[in-house]
Amino acid sequence: MDNGDDILLRIREAAKKRYLFLPHAIRQMNRPERMISTREIRQVIEHGEVVENYPNDARGHSCLMLGSGESNRPIHVVCANKEEFLAIITAYIPGEKEWSNDFKTRRAP
């Protein structure tokens, strides 16, 4: 079974090859209230941490990462490592209603 360190290592290795931003990620990043840059995504991947691991995701093993973007704002990135690239599935600014104060734990509905 994979732990967070294993997936983090694979994510960062895939990111060294190439990033592939899936259409959903691009739409979410370009929402006017978000405007998340590719530079911010790279920052999350390079310096962030895995907060949820999805080994059985239908899109392939993926994870949710938390990192900081411009002005130190929190950013969540869902990504999946592939042989030739890192797939960026989605990215968003986590909301305080859905997430704990450190944005690492989901709040109960």
PDB file of N, CA and C in Angstrom:
ATOM      1  N   MET A   1       0.844  -1.192   0.000  1.00  0.00           N
ATOM      2  CA  MET A   1       0.000   0.000   0.000  1.00  0.00           C
ATOM      3  C   MET A   1       0.880   1.242   0.000  1.00  0.00           C
ATOM      4  N   ASP A   2       0.480   2.252  -0.774  1.00  0.00           N
ATOM      5  CA  ASP A   2       1.253   3.480  -0.881  1.00  0.00           C
ATOM      6  C   ASP A   2       0.939   4.413   0.272  1.00  0.00           C
ATOM      7  N   ASN A   3       1.983   5.080   0.763  1.00  0.00           N
ATOM      8  CA  ASN A   3       1.727   6.132   1.726  1.00  0.00           C
ATOM      9  C   ASN A   3       1.873   7.465   1.009  1.00  0.00           C
ATOM     10  N   GLY A   4       1.634   8.556   1.701  1.00  0.00           N
ATOM     11  CA  GLY A   4       1.687   9.877   1.096  1.00  0.00           C
ATOM     12  C   GLY A   4       3.042  10.215   0.511  1.00  0.00           C
ATOM     13  N   ASP A   5       4.122   9.731   1.143  1.00  0.00           N
ATOM     14  CA  ASP A   5       5.468  10.036   0.647  1.00  0.00           C
ATOM     15  C   ASP A   5       5.707   9.405  -0.717  1.00  0.00           C
ATOM     16  N   ASP A   6       5.224   8.179  -0.921  1.00  0.00           N
ATOM     17  CA  ASP A   6       5.407   7.499  -2.202  1.00  0.00           C
ATOM     18  C   ASP A   6       4.712   8.250  -3.331  1.00  0.00           C
ATOM     19  N   ILE A   7       3.473   8.654  -3.104  1.00  0.00           N
ATOM     20  CA  ILE A   7       2.738   9.364  -4.154  1.00  0.00           C
ATOM     21  C   ILE A   7       3.362  10.737  -4.383  1.00  0.00           C
ATOM     22  N   LEU A   8       3.821  11.382  -3.332  1.00  0.00           N
ATOM     23  CA  LEU A   8       4.450  12.694  -3.485  1.00  0.00           C
ATOM     24  C   LEU A   8       5.709  12.593  -4.342  1.00  0.00           C
ATOM     25  N   LEU A   9       6.503  11.579  -4.111  1.00  0.00           N
ATOM     26  CA  LEU A   9       7.713  11.363  -4.906  1.00  0.00           C
ATOM     27  C   LEU A   9       7.350  11.138  -6.378  1.00  0.00           C
ATOM     28  N   ARG A  10       6.343  10.296  -6.632  1.00  0.00           N
ATOM     29  CA  ARG A  10       5.922  10.025  -8.013  1.00  0.00           C
ATOM     30  C   ARG A  10       5.341  11.266  -8.684  1.00  0.00           C
ATOM     31  N   ILE A  11       4.595  12.049  -7.930  1.00  0.00           N
ATOM     32  CA  ILE A  11       4.015  13.295  -8.466  1.00  0.00           C
ATOM     33  C   ILE A  11       5.141  14.233  -8.896  1.00  0.00           C
ATOM     34  N   ARG A  12       6.109  14.419  -8.031  1.00  0.00           N
ATOM     35  CA  ARG A  12       7.201  15.357  -8.343  1.00  0.00           C
ATOM     36  C   ARG A  12       8.094  14.854  -9.472  1.00  0.00           C
ATOM     37  N   GLU A  13       8.267  13.542  -9.578  1.00  0.00           N
ATOM     38  CA  GLU A  13       9.044  12.987 -10.700  1.00  0.00           C
ATOM     39  C   GLU A  13       8.306  13.216 -12.021  1.00  0.00           C
ATOM     40  N   ALA A  14       6.997  12.969 -12.035  1.00  0.00           N
ATOM     41  CA  ALA A  14       6.211  13.187 -13.256  1.00  0.00           C
ATOM     42  C   ALA A  14       6.217  14.667 -13.633  1.00  0.00           C
ATOM     43  N   ALA A  15       6.184  15.550 -12.639  1.00  0.00           N
ATOM     44  CA  ALA A  15       6.162  16.996 -12.901  1.00  0.00           C
ATOM     45  C   ALA A  15       7.457  17.454 -13.570  1.00  0.00           C
ATOM     46  N   LYS A  16       8.555  16.747 -13.312  1.00  0.00           N
ATOM     47  CA  LYS A  16       9.825  17.109 -13.949  1.00  0.00           C
ATOM     48  C   LYS A  16       9.776  16.872 -15.460  1.00  0.00           C
ATOM     49  N   LYS A  17       8.898  15.962 -15.892  1.00  0.00           N
ATOM     50  CA  LYS A  17       8.783  15.641 -17.317  1.00  0.00           C
ATOM     51  C   LYS A  17       7.907  16.670 -18.027  1.00  0.00           C
ATOM     52  N   ARG A  18       6.660  16.801 -17.561  1.00  0.00           N
ATOM     53  CA  ARG A  18       5.719  17.700 -18.238  1.00  0.00           C
ATOM     54  C   ARG A  18       4.450  17.796 -17.423  1.00  0.00           C
ATOM     55  N   TYR A  19       3.798  18.949 -17.491  1.00  0.00           N
ATOM     56  CA  TYR A  19       2.478  19.147 -16.893  1.00  0.00           C
ATOM     57  C   TYR A  19       1.442  19.074 -18.001  1.00  0.00           C
ATOM     58  N   LEU A  20       0.326  18.415 -17.719  1.00  0.00           N
ATOM     59  CA  LEU A  20      -0.807  18.399 -18.640  1.00  0.00           C
ATOM     60  C   LEU A  20      -2.022  18.890 -17.849  1.00  0.00           C
ATOM     61  N   PHE A  21      -2.536  20.057 -18.226  1.00  0.00           N
ATOM     62  CA  PHE A  21      -3.694  20.631 -17.559  1.00  0.00           C
ATOM     63  C   PHE A  21      -4.950  20.146 -18.278  1.00  0.00           C
ATOM     64  N   LEU A  22      -5.753  19.346 -17.586  1.00  0.00           N
ATOM     65  CA  LEU A  22      -6.980  18.829 -18.177  1.00  0.00           C
ATOM     66  C   LEU A  22      -8.008  19.952 -18.296  1.00  0.00           C
ATOM     67  N   PRO A  23      -8.960  19.828 -19.244  1.00  0.00           N
ATOM     68  CA  PRO A  23      -9.938  20.904 -19.467  1.00  0.00           C
ATOM     69  C   PRO A  23     -10.661  21.358 -18.201  1.00  0.00           C
ATOM     70  N   HIS A  24     -11.037  20.429 -17.343  1.00  0.00           N
ATOM     71  CA  HIS A  24     -11.730  20.812 -16.102  1.00  0.00           C
ATOM     72  C   HIS A  24     -10.834  21.710 -15.254  1.00  0.00           C
ATOM     73  N   ALA A  25      -9.553  21.375 -15.149  1.00  0.00           N
ATOM     74  CA  ALA A  25      -8.619  22.184 -14.364  1.00  0.00           C
ATOM     75  C   ALA A  25      -8.515  23.591 -14.934  1.00  0.00           C
ATOM     76  N   ILE A  26      -8.422  23.698 -16.238  1.00  0.00           N
ATOM     77  CA  ILE A  26      -8.303  25.011 -16.880  1.00  0.00           C
ATOM     78  C   ILE A  26      -9.551  25.851 -16.605  1.00  0.00           C
ATOM     79  N   ARG A  27     -10.723  25.228 -16.709  1.00  0.00           N
ATOM     80  CA  ARG A  27     -11.970  25.955 -16.422  1.00  0.00           C
ATOM     81  C   ARG A  27     -11.998  26.441 -14.972  1.00  0.00           C
ATOM     82  N   GLN A  28     -11.616  25.581 -14.044  1.00  0.00           N
ATOM     83  CA  GLN A  28     -11.644  25.944 -12.628  1.00  0.00           C
ATOM     84  C   GLN A  28     -10.609  27.026 -12.307  1.00  0.00           C
ATOM     85  N   MET A  29      -9.437  26.920 -12.892  1.00  0.00           N
ATOM     86  CA  MET A  29      -8.371  27.894 -12.650  1.00  0.00           C
ATOM     87  C   MET A  29      -8.735  29.270 -13.187  1.00  0.00           C
ATOM     88  N   ASN A  30      -9.526  29.328 -14.254  1.00  0.00           N
ATOM     89  CA  ASN A  30      -9.865  30.587 -14.905  1.00  0.00           C
ATOM     90  C   ASN A  30     -11.154  31.224 -14.415  1.00  0.00           C
ATOM     91  N   ARG A  31     -11.775  30.644 -13.408  1.00  0.00           N
ATOM     92  CA  ARG A  31     -12.980  31.272 -12.857  1.00  0.00           C
ATOM     93  C   ARG A  31     -12.583  32.622 -12.261  1.00  0.00           C
ATOM     94  N   PRO A  32     -13.354  33.674 -12.525  1.00  0.00           N
ATOM     95  CA  PRO A  32     -12.968  35.027 -12.097  1.00  0.00           C
ATOM     96  C   PRO A  32     -12.637  35.160 -10.613  1.00  0.00           C
ATOM     97  N   GLU A  33     -13.329  34.429  -9.762  1.00  0.00           N
ATOM     98  CA  GLU A  33     -13.068  34.553  -8.324  1.00  0.00           C
ATOM     99  C   GLU A  33     -11.823  33.758  -7.893  1.00  0.00           C
ATOM    100  N   ARG A  34     -11.233  33.006  -8.808  1.00  0.00           N
ATOM    101  CA  ARG A  34     -10.068  32.182  -8.481  1.00  0.00           C
ATOM    102  C   ARG A  34      -8.809  32.687  -9.169  1.00  0.00           C
ATOM    103  N   MET A  35      -8.819  32.677 -10.492  1.00  0.00           N
ATOM    104  CA  MET A  35      -7.672  33.083 -11.302  1.00  0.00           C
ATOM    105  C   MET A  35      -6.364  32.502 -10.757  1.00  0.00           C
ATOM    106  N   ILE A  36      -6.267  31.176 -10.818  1.00  0.00           N
ATOM    107  CA  ILE A  36      -5.077  30.456 -10.346  1.00  0.00           C
ATOM    108  C   ILE A  36      -4.115  30.311 -11.512  1.00  0.00           C
ATOM    109  N   SER A  37      -2.894  30.746 -11.341  1.00  0.00           N
ATOM    110  CA  SER A  37      -1.909  30.702 -12.423  1.00  0.00           C
ATOM    111  C   SER A  37      -1.188  29.352 -12.480  1.00  0.00           C
ATOM    112  N   THR A  38      -0.623  29.049 -13.624  1.00  0.00           N
ATOM    113  CA  THR A  38       0.162  27.815 -13.754  1.00  0.00           C
ATOM    114  C   THR A  38       1.378  27.885 -12.831  1.00  0.00           C
ATOM    115  N   ARG A  39       1.900  29.072 -12.612  1.00  0.00           N
ATOM    116  CA  ARG A  39       3.031  29.237 -11.682  1.00  0.00           C
ATOM    117  C   ARG A  39       2.620  28.810 -10.269  1.00  0.00           C
ATOM    118  N   GLU A  40       1.410  29.179  -9.866  1.00  0.00           N
ATOM    119  CA  GLU A  40       0.921  28.779  -8.540  1.00  0.00           C
ATOM    120  C   GLU A  40       0.768  27.262  -8.453  1.00  0.00           C
ATOM    121  N   ILE A  41       0.276  26.646  -9.522  1.00  0.00           N
ATOM    122  CA  ILE A  41       0.126  25.190  -9.546  1.00  0.00           C
ATOM    123  C   ILE A  41       1.495  24.535  -9.366  1.00  0.00           C
ATOM    124  N   ARG A  42       2.480  25.005 -10.102  1.00  0.00           N
ATOM    125  CA  ARG A  42       3.838  24.464  -9.985  1.00  0.00           C
ATOM    126  C   ARG A  42       4.379  24.636  -8.567  1.00  0.00           C
ATOM    127  N   GLN A  43       4.077  25.754  -7.956  1.00  0.00           N
ATOM    128  CA  GLN A  43       4.510  26.019  -6.583  1.00  0.00           C
ATOM    129  C   GLN A  43       3.893  25.003  -5.618  1.00  0.00           C
ATOM    130  N   VAL A  44       2.597  24.717  -5.796  1.00  0.00           N
ATOM    131  CA  VAL A  44       1.928  23.722  -4.941  1.00  0.00           C
ATOM    132  C   VAL A  44       2.582  22.361  -5.130  1.00  0.00           C
ATOM    133  N   ILE A  45       2.829  21.959  -6.374  1.00  0.00           N
ATOM    134  CA  ILE A  45       3.416  20.647  -6.650  1.00  0.00           C
ATOM    135  C   ILE A  45       4.828  20.556  -6.067  1.00  0.00           C
ATOM    136  N   GLU A  46       5.616  21.592  -6.231  1.00  0.00           N
ATOM    137  CA  GLU A  46       7.007  21.562  -5.781  1.00  0.00           C
ATOM    138  C   GLU A  46       7.173  21.688  -4.270  1.00  0.00           C
ATOM    139  N   HIS A  47       6.277  22.439  -3.610  1.00  0.00           N
ATOM    140  CA  HIS A  47       6.481  22.733  -2.194  1.00  0.00           C
ATOM    141  C   HIS A  47       5.330  22.309  -1.286  1.00  0.00           C
ATOM    142  N   GLY A  48       4.218  21.863  -1.868  1.00  0.00           N
ATOM    143  CA  GLY A  48       3.044  21.516  -1.076  1.00  0.00           C
ATOM    144  C   GLY A  48       3.116  20.128  -0.471  1.00  0.00           C
ATOM    145  N   GLU A  49       2.005  19.725   0.110  1.00  0.00           N
ATOM    146  CA  GLU A  49       1.925  18.410   0.756  1.00  0.00           C
ATOM    147  C   GLU A  49       0.666  17.685   0.314  1.00  0.00           C
ATOM    148  N   VAL A  50       0.726  16.367   0.366  1.00  0.00           N
ATOM    149  CA  VAL A  50      -0.429  15.526   0.053  1.00  0.00           C
ATOM    150  C   VAL A  50      -1.341  15.517   1.280  1.00  0.00           C
ATOM    151  N   VAL A  51      -2.623  15.881   1.078  1.00  0.00           N
ATOM    152  CA  VAL A  51      -3.575  15.851   2.187  1.00  0.00           C
ATOM    153  C   VAL A  51      -4.606  14.737   2.039  1.00  0.00           C
ATOM    154  N   GLU A  52      -4.803  14.255   0.812  1.00  0.00           N
ATOM    155  CA  GLU A  52      -5.660  13.087   0.578  1.00  0.00           C
ATOM    156  C   GLU A  52      -5.050  12.271  -0.547  1.00  0.00           C
ATOM    157  N   ASN A  53      -5.077  10.969  -0.379  1.00  0.00           N
ATOM    158  CA  ASN A  53      -4.498  10.043  -1.352  1.00  0.00           C
ATOM    159  C   ASN A  53      -5.641   9.211  -1.933  1.00  0.00           C
ATOM    160  N   TYR A  54      -5.736   9.126  -3.264  1.00  0.00           N
ATOM    161  CA  TYR A  54      -6.820   8.397  -3.920  1.00  0.00           C
ATOM    162  C   TYR A  54      -6.256   7.261  -4.780  1.00  0.00           C
ATOM    163  N   PRO A  55      -5.801   6.174  -4.171  1.00  0.00           N
ATOM    164  CA  PRO A  55      -5.190   5.091  -4.962  1.00  0.00           C
ATOM    165  C   PRO A  55      -6.160   4.382  -5.898  1.00  0.00           C
ATOM    166  N   ASN A  56      -7.458   4.447  -5.624  1.00  0.00           N
ATOM    167  CA  ASN A  56      -8.439   3.731  -6.441  1.00  0.00           C
ATOM    168  C   ASN A  56      -9.256   4.645  -7.340  1.00  0.00           C
ATOM    169  N   ASP A  57      -8.771   5.830  -7.613  1.00  0.00           N
ATOM    170  CA  ASP A  57      -9.475   6.787  -8.469  1.00  0.00           C
ATOM    171  C   ASP A  57      -9.647   6.191  -9.863  1.00  0.00           C
ATOM    172  N   ALA A  58     -10.822   6.386 -10.451  1.00  0.00           N
ATOM    173  CA  ALA A  58     -11.103   5.857 -11.791  1.00  0.00           C
ATOM    174  C   ALA A  58     -10.149   6.427 -12.848  1.00  0.00           C
ATOM    175  N   ARG A  59      -9.618   7.626 -12.595  1.00  0.00           N
ATOM    176  CA  ARG A  59      -8.686   8.261 -13.546  1.00  0.00           C
ATOM    177  C   ARG A  59      -7.254   7.763 -13.353  1.00  0.00           C
ATOM    178  N   GLY A  60      -7.060   6.880 -12.396  1.00  0.00           N
ATOM    179  CA  GLY A  60      -5.722   6.426 -12.032  1.00  0.00           C
ATOM    180  C   GLY A  60      -5.351   7.013 -10.682  1.00  0.00           C
ATOM    181  N   HIS A  61      -4.341   6.458 -10.067  1.00  0.00           N
ATOM    182  CA  HIS A  61      -3.917   6.902  -8.738  1.00  0.00           C
ATOM    183  C   HIS A  61      -3.695   8.412  -8.757  1.00  0.00           C
ATOM    184  N   SER A  62      -4.397   9.108  -7.882  1.00  0.00           N
ATOM    185  CA  SER A  62      -4.273  10.555  -7.809  1.00  0.00           C
ATOM    186  C   SER A  62      -4.231  10.977  -6.352  1.00  0.00           C
ATOM    187  N   CYS A  63      -4.053  12.285  -6.144  1.00  0.00           N
ATOM    188  CA  CYS A  63      -4.028  12.799  -4.784  1.00  0.00           C
ATOM    189  C   CYS A  63      -4.445  14.261  -4.774  1.00  0.00           C
ATOM    190  N   LEU A  64      -4.788  14.731  -3.592  1.00  0.00           N
ATOM    191  CA  LEU A  64      -5.108  16.133  -3.364  1.00  0.00           C
ATOM    192  C   LEU A  64      -3.927  16.744  -2.633  1.00  0.00           C
ATOM    193  N   MET A  65      -3.389  17.816  -3.199  1.00  0.00           N
ATOM    194  CA  MET A  65      -2.270  18.508  -2.583  1.00  0.00           C
ATOM    195  C   MET A  65      -2.711  19.884  -2.104  1.00  0.00           C
ATOM    196  N   LEU A  66      -2.082  20.341  -1.040  1.00  0.00           N
ATOM    197  CA  LEU A  66      -2.308  21.675  -0.499  1.00  0.00           C
ATOM    198  C   LEU A  66      -0.995  22.432  -0.546  1.00  0.00           C
ATOM    199  N   GLY A  67      -1.063  23.650  -1.018  1.00  0.00           N
ATOM    200  CA  GLY A  67       0.112  24.510  -1.030  1.00  0.00           C
ATOM    201  C   GLY A  67      -0.316  25.957  -1.022  1.00  0.00           C
ATOM    202  N   SER A  68       0.671  26.836  -1.114  1.00  0.00           N
ATOM    203  CA  SER A  68       0.408  28.271  -1.089  1.00  0.00           C
ATOM    204  C   SER A  68       0.647  28.888  -2.455  1.00  0.00           C
ATOM    205  N   GLY A  69      -0.224  29.819  -2.801  1.00  0.00           N
ATOM    206  CA  GLY A  69      -0.083  30.544  -4.048  1.00  0.00           C
ATOM    207  C   GLY A  69       0.297  31.993  -3.787  1.00  0.00           C
ATOM    208  N   GLU A  70      -0.099  32.869  -4.707  1.00  0.00           N
ATOM    209  CA  GLU A  70       0.168  34.301  -4.561  1.00  0.00           C
ATOM    210  C   GLU A  70      -0.415  34.798  -3.245  1.00  0.00           C
ATOM    211  N   SER A  71       0.273  35.720  -2.616  1.00  0.00           N
ATOM    212  CA  SER A  71      -0.157  36.311  -1.339  1.00  0.00           C
ATOM    213  C   SER A  71      -0.420  35.243  -0.288  1.00  0.00           C
ATOM    214  N   ASN A  72       0.262  34.107  -0.439  1.00  0.00           N
ATOM    215  CA  ASN A  72       0.176  33.014   0.532  1.00  0.00           C
ATOM    216  C   ASN A  72      -1.224  32.409   0.644  1.00  0.00           C
ATOM    217  N   ARG A  73      -2.059  32.566  -0.402  1.00  0.00           N
ATOM    218  CA  ARG A  73      -3.398  31.989  -0.342  1.00  0.00           C
ATOM    219  C   ARG A  73      -3.310  30.472  -0.493  1.00  0.00           C
ATOM    220  N   PRO A  74      -4.185  29.716   0.218  1.00  0.00           N
ATOM    221  CA  PRO A  74      -4.169  28.260   0.098  1.00  0.00           C
ATOM    222  C   PRO A  74      -4.744  27.829  -1.247  1.00  0.00           C
ATOM    223  N   ILE A  75      -4.143  26.806  -1.838  1.00  0.00           N
ATOM    224  CA  ILE A  75      -4.626  26.249  -3.097  1.00  0.00           C
ATOM    225  C   ILE A  75      -4.616  24.737  -2.988  1.00  0.00           C
ATOM    226  N   HIS A  76      -5.711  24.114  -3.425  1.00  0.00           N
ATOM    227  CA  HIS A  76      -5.794  22.663  -3.546  1.00  0.00           C
ATOM    228  C   HIS A  76      -5.614  22.290  -5.013  1.00  0.00           C
ATOM    229  N   VAL A  77      -4.824  21.252  -5.252  1.00  0.00           N
ATOM    230  CA  VAL A  77      -4.611  20.730  -6.599  1.00  0.00           C
ATOM    231  C   VAL A  77      -4.828  19.227  -6.550  1.00  0.00           C
ATOM    232  N   VAL A  78      -5.698  18.712  -7.427  1.00  0.00           N
ATOM    233  CA  VAL A  78      -5.854  17.269  -7.587  1.00  0.00           C
ATOM    234  C   VAL A  78      -5.064  16.895  -8.833  1.00  0.00           C
ATOM    235  N   CYS A  79      -4.147  15.940  -8.664  1.00  0.00           N
ATOM    236  CA  CYS A  79      -3.274  15.563  -9.777  1.00  0.00           C
ATOM    237  C   CYS A  79      -3.024  14.060  -9.773  1.00  0.00           C
ATOM    238  N   ALA A  80      -2.571  13.577 -10.920  1.00  0.00           N
ATOM    239  CA  ALA A  80      -2.273  12.151 -11.081  1.00  0.00           C
ATOM    240  C   ALA A  80      -0.989  12.006 -11.884  1.00  0.00           C
ATOM    241  N   ASN A  81      -0.095  11.200 -11.366  1.00  0.00           N
ATOM    242  CA  ASN A  81       1.147  10.968 -12.104  1.00  0.00           C
ATOM    243  C   ASN A  81       0.924   9.915 -13.177  1.00  0.00           C
ATOM    244  N   LYS A  82       1.435  10.206 -14.359  1.00  0.00           N
ATOM    245  CA  LYS A  82       1.382   9.285 -15.490  1.00  0.00           C
ATOM    246  C   LYS A  82       2.816   9.029 -15.931  1.00  0.00           C
ATOM    247  N   GLU A  83       3.009   8.099 -16.836  1.00  0.00           N
ATOM    248  CA  GLU A  83       4.344   7.728 -17.304  1.00  0.00           C
ATOM    249  C   GLU A  83       5.119   8.921 -17.860  1.00  0.00           C
ATOM    250  N   GLU A  84       4.456   9.719 -18.687  1.00  0.00           N
ATOM    251  CA  GLU A  84       5.147  10.799 -19.405  1.00  0.00           C
ATOM    252  C   GLU A  84       4.826  12.205 -18.910  1.00  0.00           C
ATOM    253  N   PHE A  85       3.905  12.343 -17.950  1.00  0.00           N
ATOM    254  CA  PHE A  85       3.497  13.685 -17.522  1.00  0.00           C
ATOM    255  C   PHE A  85       2.776  13.628 -16.186  1.00  0.00           C
ATOM    256  N   LEU A  86       2.539  14.819 -15.632  1.00  0.00           N
ATOM    257  CA  LEU A  86       1.704  14.976 -14.451  1.00  0.00           C
ATOM    258  C   LEU A  86       0.388  15.587 -14.911  1.00  0.00           C
ATOM    259  N   ALA A  87      -0.721  14.886 -14.691  1.00  0.00           N
ATOM    260  CA  ALA A  87      -2.040  15.389 -15.063  1.00  0.00           C
ATOM    261  C   ALA A  87      -2.586  16.249 -13.929  1.00  0.00           C
ATOM    262  N   ILE A  88      -2.924  17.492 -14.252  1.00  0.00           N
ATOM    263  CA  ILE A  88      -3.582  18.373 -13.296  1.00  0.00           C
ATOM    264  C   ILE A  88      -5.076  18.234 -13.560  1.00  0.00           C
ATOM    265  N   ILE A  89      -5.775  17.597 -12.631  1.00  0.00           N
ATOM    266  CA  ILE A  89      -7.187  17.266 -12.800  1.00  0.00           C
ATOM    267  C   ILE A  89      -8.073  18.461 -12.454  1.00  0.00           C
ATOM    268  N   THR A  90      -7.785  19.111 -11.340  1.00  0.00           N
ATOM    269  CA  THR A  90      -8.508  20.321 -10.965  1.00  0.00           C
ATOM    270  C   THR A  90      -7.674  21.106  -9.970  1.00  0.00           C
ATOM    271  N   ALA A  91      -8.056  22.360  -9.777  1.00  0.00           N
ATOM    272  CA  ALA A  91      -7.405  23.231  -8.806  1.00  0.00           C
ATOM    273  C   ALA A  91      -8.439  24.238  -8.323  1.00  0.00           C
ATOM    274  N   TYR A  92      -8.383  24.551  -7.034  1.00  0.00           N
ATOM    275  CA  TYR A  92      -9.356  25.487  -6.479  1.00  0.00           C
ATOM    276  C   TYR A  92      -8.841  26.072  -5.169  1.00  0.00           C
ATOM    277  N   ILE A  93      -9.511  27.120  -4.732  1.00  0.00           N
ATOM    278  CA  ILE A  93      -9.227  27.738  -3.445  1.00  0.00           C
ATOM    279  C   ILE A  93     -10.152  27.051  -2.438  1.00  0.00           C
ATOM    280  N   PRO A  94      -9.603  26.341  -1.442  1.00  0.00           N
ATOM    281  CA  PRO A  94     -10.478  25.632  -0.497  1.00  0.00           C
ATOM    282  C   PRO A  94     -11.298  26.615   0.347  1.00  0.00           C
ATOM    283  N   GLY A  95     -12.559  26.268   0.561  1.00  0.00           N
ATOM    284  CA  GLY A  95     -13.457  27.109   1.346  1.00  0.00           C
ATOM    285  C   GLY A  95     -13.429  26.742   2.822  1.00  0.00           C
ATOM    286  N   GLU A  96     -13.605  27.744   3.650  1.00  0.00           N
ATOM    287  CA  GLU A  96     -13.580  27.516   5.099  1.00  0.00           C
ATOM    288  C   GLU A  96     -14.792  26.728   5.581  1.00  0.00           C
ATOM    289  N   LYS A  97     -15.879  26.730   4.802  1.00  0.00           N
ATOM    290  CA  LYS A  97     -17.065  25.960   5.199  1.00  0.00           C
ATOM    291  C   LYS A  97     -16.824  24.464   5.018  1.00  0.00           C
ATOM    292  N   GLU A  98     -16.055  24.097   3.994  1.00  0.00           N
ATOM    293  CA  GLU A  98     -15.824  22.685   3.678  1.00  0.00           C
ATOM    294  C   GLU A  98     -14.567  22.110   4.340  1.00  0.00           C
ATOM    295  N   TRP A  99     -13.630  22.979   4.735  1.00  0.00           N
ATOM    296  CA  TRP A  99     -12.327  22.524   5.211  1.00  0.00           C
ATOM    297  C   TRP A  99     -12.000  23.091   6.582  1.00  0.00           C
ATOM    298  N   SER A 100     -11.172  22.356   7.337  1.00  0.00           N
ATOM    299  CA  SER A 100     -10.685  22.821   8.632  1.00  0.00           C
ATOM    300  C   SER A 100      -9.852  24.090   8.439  1.00  0.00           C
ATOM    301  N   ASN A 101      -9.489  24.728   9.528  1.00  0.00           N
ATOM    302  CA  ASN A 101      -8.730  25.987   9.465  1.00  0.00           C
ATOM    303  C   ASN A 101      -7.397  25.852   8.740  1.00  0.00           C
ATOM    304  N   ASP A 102      -6.797  24.663   8.768  1.00  0.00           N
ATOM    305  CA  ASP A 102      -5.509  24.474   8.077  1.00  0.00           C
ATOM    306  C   ASP A 102      -5.701  23.929   6.656  1.00  0.00           C
ATOM    307  N   PHE A 103      -6.953  23.756   6.240  1.00  0.00           N
ATOM    308  CA  PHE A 103      -7.338  23.285   4.892  1.00  0.00           C
ATOM    309  C   PHE A 103      -6.837  21.879   4.579  1.00  0.00           C
ATOM    310  N   LYS A 104      -6.597  21.075   5.620  1.00  0.00           N
ATOM    311  CA  LYS A 104      -6.095  19.706   5.431  1.00  0.00           C
ATOM    312  C   LYS A 104      -7.161  18.646   5.686  1.00  0.00           C
ATOM    313  N   THR A 105      -8.220  19.006   6.412  1.00  0.00           N
ATOM    314  CA  THR A 105      -9.245  18.043   6.810  1.00  0.00           C
ATOM    315  C   THR A 105     -10.616  18.556   6.394  1.00  0.00           C
ATOM    316  N   ARG A 106     -11.403  17.682   5.762  1.00  0.00           N
ATOM    317  CA  ARG A 106     -12.771  18.061   5.383  1.00  0.00           C
ATOM    318  C   ARG A 106     -13.645  18.169   6.628  1.00  0.00           C
ATOM    319  N   ARG A 107     -14.500  19.154   6.634  1.00  0.00           N
ATOM    320  CA  ARG A 107     -15.473  19.305   7.728  1.00  0.00           C
ATOM    321  C   ARG A 107     -16.643  18.362   7.449  1.00  0.00           C
ATOM    322  N   ALA A 108     -17.273  17.892   8.506  1.00  0.00           N
ATOM    323  CA  ALA A 108     -18.461  17.045   8.345  1.00  0.00           C
ATOM    324  C   ALA A 108     -19.580  17.868   7.716  1.00  0.00           C
ATOM    325  N   PRO A 109     -20.376  17.247   6.832  1.00  0.00           N
ATOM    326  CA  PRO A 109     -21.466  18.003   6.165  1.00  0.00           C
ATOM    327  C   PRO A 109     -22.547  18.454   7.135  1.00  0.00           C
TER     328      PRO A 109
END
